Amino acid sequence: MASNKQGGGKRGFASMDPQRQREIAAQGGRAAHASGNAHEFNSQEAREAGRMSHKNDGNRQSGSGGSRGGNQGGNR
């Protein structure tokens, strides 16, 4: 079986020029809005979503402590 792959070349949607990709994506967006499946955030919803996505950021900022990696079994 012959293969068209040469160094992992792009195929399908990825092989299209960026302008054509934007046209197809825009068609999908218009279709979603027309069918009522799309959602546009208002400023209050966007604020709440941002707050929820960032509420655990404080737990990731510390570089020490916790039980990450290392020798967890002690001396055996």
C-alpha atoms as a PDB file:
ATOM      1  CA  MET A   1       0.000   0.000   0.000  1.00  0.00           C
ATOM      2  CA  ALA A   2       1.439   3.364  -1.007  1.00  0.00           C
ATOM      3  CA  SER A   3       1.666   6.178   1.503  1.00  0.00           C
ATOM      4  CA  ASN A   4       1.421   9.880   0.758  1.00  0.00           C
ATOM      5  CA  LYS A   5       3.075  10.750   4.061  1.00  0.00           C
ATOM      6  CA  GLN A   6       6.411  12.436   3.676  1.00  0.00           C
ATOM      7  CA  GLY A   7       7.794  13.597   6.975  1.00  0.00           C
ATOM      8  CA  GLY A   8       4.356  13.697   8.605  1.00  0.00           C
ATOM      9  CA  GLY A   9       2.733  16.020   6.060  1.00  0.00           C
ATOM     10  CA  LYS A  10      -0.612  17.636   6.747  1.00  0.00           C
ATOM     11  CA  ARG A  11      -3.792  15.923   5.644  1.00  0.00           C
ATOM     12  CA  GLY A  12      -7.434  16.899   5.373  1.00  0.00           C
ATOM     13  CA  PHE A  13      -8.508  20.094   7.108  1.00  0.00           C
ATOM     14  CA  ALA A  14      -4.942  20.835   8.214  1.00  0.00           C
ATOM     15  CA  SER A  15      -3.710  20.799   4.624  1.00  0.00           C
ATOM     16  CA  MET A  16      -6.098  23.543   3.542  1.00  0.00           C
ATOM     17  CA  ASP A  17      -4.959  27.116   3.309  1.00  0.00           C
ATOM     18  CA  PRO A  18      -5.852  29.211   6.392  1.00  0.00           C
ATOM     19  CA  GLN A  19      -8.399  31.308   4.500  1.00  0.00           C
ATOM     20  CA  ARG A  20     -10.375  28.183   3.477  1.00  0.00           C
ATOM     21  CA  GLN A  21     -10.239  26.884   7.071  1.00  0.00           C
ATOM     22  CA  ARG A  22     -11.703  30.179   8.318  1.00  0.00           C
ATOM     23  CA  GLU A  23     -14.498  30.005   5.735  1.00  0.00           C
ATOM     24  CA  ILE A  24     -15.481  26.489   6.818  1.00  0.00           C
ATOM     25  CA  ALA A  25     -15.281  27.379  10.520  1.00  0.00           C
ATOM     26  CA  ALA A  26     -17.429  30.464   9.929  1.00  0.00           C
ATOM     27  CA  GLN A  27     -20.058  28.326   8.188  1.00  0.00           C
ATOM     28  CA  GLY A  28     -20.153  26.046  11.238  1.00  0.00           C
ATOM     29  CA  GLY A  29     -20.538  29.015  13.553  1.00  0.00           C
ATOM     30  CA  ARG A  30     -23.370  30.453  11.509  1.00  0.00           C
ATOM     31  CA  ALA A  31     -25.116  27.068  11.420  1.00  0.00           C
ATOM     32  CA  ALA A  32     -24.796  26.686  15.207  1.00  0.00           C
ATOM     33  CA  HIS A  33     -26.335  30.103  15.786  1.00  0.00           C
ATOM     34  CA  ALA A  34     -29.121  29.448  13.293  1.00  0.00           C
ATOM     35  CA  SER A  35     -30.034  26.148  14.978  1.00  0.00           C
ATOM     36  CA  GLY A  36     -29.901  27.656  18.457  1.00  0.00           C
ATOM     37  CA  ASN A  37     -26.982  25.488  19.627  1.00  0.00           C
ATOM     38  CA  ALA A  38     -24.454  28.317  19.982  1.00  0.00           C
ATOM     39  CA  HIS A  39     -24.001  30.239  23.206  1.00  0.00           C
ATOM     40  CA  GLU A  40     -22.767  33.779  23.591  1.00  0.00           C
ATOM     41  CA  PHE A  41     -21.565  34.718  27.049  1.00  0.00           C
ATOM     42  CA  ASN A  42     -22.751  37.988  28.511  1.00  0.00           C
ATOM     43  CA  SER A  43     -20.293  39.873  30.714  1.00  0.00           C
ATOM     44  CA  GLN A  44     -21.658  38.376  33.945  1.00  0.00           C
ATOM     45  CA  GLU A  45     -21.424  34.795  32.644  1.00  0.00           C
ATOM     46  CA  ALA A  46     -17.901  35.405  31.355  1.00  0.00           C
ATOM     47  CA  ARG A  47     -16.858  36.831  34.732  1.00  0.00           C
ATOM     48  CA  GLU A  48     -18.220  33.768  36.562  1.00  0.00           C
ATOM     49  CA  ALA A  49     -16.568  31.354  34.131  1.00  0.00           C
ATOM     50  CA  GLY A  50     -13.231  33.110  34.565  1.00  0.00           C
ATOM     51  CA  ARG A  51     -13.562  33.012  38.328  1.00  0.00           C
ATOM     52  CA  MET A  52     -14.317  29.278  38.247  1.00  0.00           C
ATOM     53  CA  SER A  53     -11.401  28.475  35.944  1.00  0.00           C
ATOM     54  CA  HIS A  54      -8.937  30.373  38.122  1.00  0.00           C
ATOM     55  CA  LYS A  55     -10.141  29.431  41.591  1.00  0.00           C
ATOM     56  CA  ASN A  56      -7.502  26.694  42.041  1.00  0.00           C
ATOM     57  CA  ASP A  57      -4.550  28.689  40.699  1.00  0.00           C
ATOM     58  CA  GLY A  58      -3.270  29.391  44.212  1.00  0.00           C
ATOM     59  CA  ASN A  59      -2.747  25.677  44.808  1.00  0.00           C
ATOM     60  CA  ARG A  60      -0.354  25.380  41.859  1.00  0.00           C
ATOM     61  CA  GLN A  61       1.933  28.315  42.595  1.00  0.00           C
ATOM     62  CA  SER A  62       3.914  26.770  45.439  1.00  0.00           C
ATOM     63  CA  GLY A  63       7.014  24.910  44.301  1.00  0.00           C
ATOM     64  CA  SER A  64       7.654  23.164  47.629  1.00  0.00           C
ATOM     65  CA  GLY A  65       5.668  21.043  50.008  1.00  0.00           C
ATOM     66  CA  GLY A  66       2.935  18.614  49.251  1.00  0.00           C
ATOM     67  CA  SER A  67       3.364  14.982  48.306  1.00  0.00           C
ATOM     68  CA  ARG A  68       4.608  15.392  44.770  1.00  0.00           C
ATOM     69  CA  GLY A  69       7.184  12.886  43.552  1.00  0.00           C
ATOM     70  CA  GLY A  70      10.290  11.990  45.494  1.00  0.00           C
ATOM     71  CA  ASN A  71      10.672   9.237  48.036  1.00  0.00           C
ATOM     72  CA  GLN A  72       7.253   8.724  49.560  1.00  0.00           C
ATOM     73  CA  GLY A  73       7.959   5.443  51.323  1.00  0.00           C
ATOM     74  CA  GLY A  74      10.587   6.656  53.772  1.00  0.00           C
ATOM     75  CA  ASN A  75      13.447   4.343  54.798  1.00  0.00           C
ATOM     76  CA  ARG A  76      12.559   0.705  54.251  1.00  0.00           C
END
